[in-house]
């Protein structure tokens, strides 16, 4: 066992900084890909899941007053648990929040230049 460890240490010492960095990157890449895929899958999971207004505010990172204005302007569809009462609990689909985010996301300066000039 000691000889095996010595051989591994010798191999690491024989690598240049660039070779060592590449070896580490090659070994970490599959792990990162898996974790990123899990985050993306979780984000888009259950898009038809109804969520409360409070949870939608948390999910979007905005306050209830701002979210109420967005809802009242008809920018995000919702279902009311009691349509006769304007203060009744409202239910929103996660898919509708994702659609609203996509429609309202701000472009970066690089994206604007690319769209305008055809290059970044």
Protein backbone atom coordinates (compact mmCIF):
# COMPACT_ATOMS: atom_id res chain seq x y z
CA UNK A 1 0.00 0.00 0.00
CA UNK A 2 2.81 2.42 0.84
CA UNK A 3 4.49 1.71 -2.48
CA UNK A 4 1.22 2.44 -4.32
CA UNK A 5 0.85 5.79 -2.53
CA UNK A 6 4.47 6.67 -3.31
CA UNK A 7 3.88 5.90 -6.98
CA UNK A 8 0.77 8.12 -7.06
CA UNK A 9 2.67 10.97 -5.39
CA UNK A 10 5.49 10.55 -7.88
CA UNK A 11 3.04 10.72 -10.78
CA UNK A 12 1.48 13.94 -9.42
CA UNK A 13 4.91 15.50 -9.01
CA UNK A 14 5.75 14.66 -12.60
CA UNK A 15 2.75 16.61 -13.92
CA UNK A 16 2.95 20.24 -14.94
CA UNK A 17 0.47 22.68 -13.40
CA UNK A 18 -1.52 22.63 -16.63
CA UNK A 19 -1.59 18.81 -16.80
CA UNK A 20 -2.65 18.55 -13.16
CA UNK A 21 -5.41 21.13 -13.66
CA UNK A 22 -6.63 19.28 -16.76
CA UNK A 23 -6.65 15.95 -14.91
CA UNK A 24 -8.67 17.46 -12.06
CA UNK A 25 -11.08 19.10 -14.53
CA UNK A 26 -11.54 15.83 -16.44
CA UNK A 27 -12.44 14.03 -13.22
CA UNK A 28 -14.81 16.75 -11.96
CA UNK A 29 -16.63 17.40 -15.25
CA UNK A 30 -19.02 14.38 -15.02
CA UNK A 31 -19.88 15.27 -11.42
CA UNK A 32 -20.64 18.88 -12.32
CA UNK A 33 -22.73 17.83 -15.32
CA UNK A 34 -24.80 15.52 -13.13
CA UNK A 35 -25.38 18.20 -10.48
CA UNK A 36 -26.31 20.84 -13.07
CA UNK A 37 -28.74 18.41 -14.73
CA UNK A 38 -30.37 17.73 -11.34
CA UNK A 39 -30.81 21.47 -10.67
CA UNK A 40 -32.32 22.03 -14.12
CA UNK A 41 -34.63 19.03 -13.77
CA UNK A 42 -35.79 20.22 -10.36
CA UNK A 43 -36.42 23.73 -11.71
CA UNK A 44 -38.64 22.49 -14.52
CA UNK A 45 -40.20 19.61 -12.57
CA UNK A 46 -43.93 19.74 -12.02
CA UNK A 47 -44.61 22.79 -14.18
CA UNK A 48 -48.32 22.07 -13.83
CA UNK A 49 -48.01 22.16 -10.04
CA UNK A 50 -50.29 24.83 -8.57
CA UNK A 51 -48.58 27.05 -6.01
CA UNK A 52 -49.84 29.73 -3.66
CA UNK A 53 -49.29 33.42 -4.16
CA UNK A 54 -46.91 33.46 -1.18
CA UNK A 55 -44.81 30.66 -2.65
CA UNK A 56 -44.84 32.35 -6.08
CA UNK A 57 -43.51 35.56 -4.48
CA UNK A 58 -40.72 33.59 -2.79
CA UNK A 59 -39.96 31.70 -6.01
CA UNK A 60 -39.68 34.93 -8.01
CA UNK A 61 -37.95 36.84 -5.23
CA UNK A 62 -40.45 39.72 -5.25
CA UNK A 63 -42.80 41.19 -2.67
CA UNK A 64 -46.50 40.44 -2.39
CA UNK A 65 -47.54 43.98 -3.40
CA UNK A 66 -45.47 43.83 -6.59
CA UNK A 67 -46.75 40.35 -7.37
CA UNK A 68 -50.36 41.47 -6.78
CA UNK A 69 -49.87 44.28 -9.32
CA UNK A 70 -48.51 41.78 -11.85
CA UNK A 71 -51.47 39.45 -11.24
CA UNK A 72 -54.02 42.27 -11.37
CA UNK A 73 -52.53 43.54 -14.66
CA UNK A 74 -53.20 40.09 -16.13
CA UNK A 75 -49.52 39.39 -16.79
CA UNK A 76 -49.67 36.01 -15.03
CA UNK A 77 -52.83 33.90 -15.16
CA UNK A 78 -54.27 32.54 -11.90
CA UNK A 79 -57.24 30.69 -10.46
CA UNK A 80 -59.12 32.10 -7.51
CA UNK A 81 -60.45 29.73 -4.86
CA UNK A 82 -63.45 32.06 -4.60
CA UNK A 83 -63.95 34.08 -7.82
CA UNK A 84 -66.61 36.26 -6.12
CA UNK A 85 -64.08 37.62 -3.61
CA UNK A 86 -61.14 39.78 -4.78
CA UNK A 87 -59.26 38.90 -1.58
CA UNK A 88 -59.69 35.13 -1.96
CA UNK A 89 -56.63 32.90 -2.13
CA UNK A 90 -55.13 32.69 -5.62
CA UNK A 91 -53.38 29.70 -7.18
CA UNK A 92 -50.73 30.06 -9.90
CA UNK A 93 -49.10 27.41 -12.10
CA UNK A 94 -45.31 27.21 -12.01
CA UNK A 95 -45.34 27.01 -15.84
CA UNK A 96 -47.01 30.44 -15.98
CA UNK A 97 -44.29 31.89 -13.72
CA UNK A 98 -41.58 30.44 -15.98
CA UNK A 99 -43.32 31.90 -19.06
CA UNK A 100 -43.54 35.31 -17.36
CA UNK A 101 -39.83 35.19 -16.44
CA UNK A 102 -38.89 34.33 -20.04
CA UNK A 103 -41.01 37.19 -21.42
CA UNK A 104 -39.62 39.73 -18.95
CA UNK A 105 -35.97 38.83 -18.61
CA UNK A 106 -33.50 41.61 -19.20
CA UNK A 107 -30.90 41.21 -21.91
CA UNK A 108 -27.23 41.69 -21.15
CA UNK A 109 -25.25 44.35 -22.99
CA UNK A 110 -23.40 41.58 -24.86
CA UNK A 111 -26.75 40.08 -25.98
CA UNK A 112 -28.04 43.47 -27.15
CA UNK A 113 -24.83 44.06 -29.15
CA UNK A 114 -25.06 40.56 -30.64
CA UNK A 115 -28.72 41.06 -31.62
CA UNK A 116 -27.95 44.48 -33.11
CA UNK A 117 -24.59 43.83 -34.78
CA UNK A 118 -24.76 40.09 -35.29
CA UNK A 119 -21.72 39.59 -33.06
CA UNK A 120 -20.76 40.09 -29.42
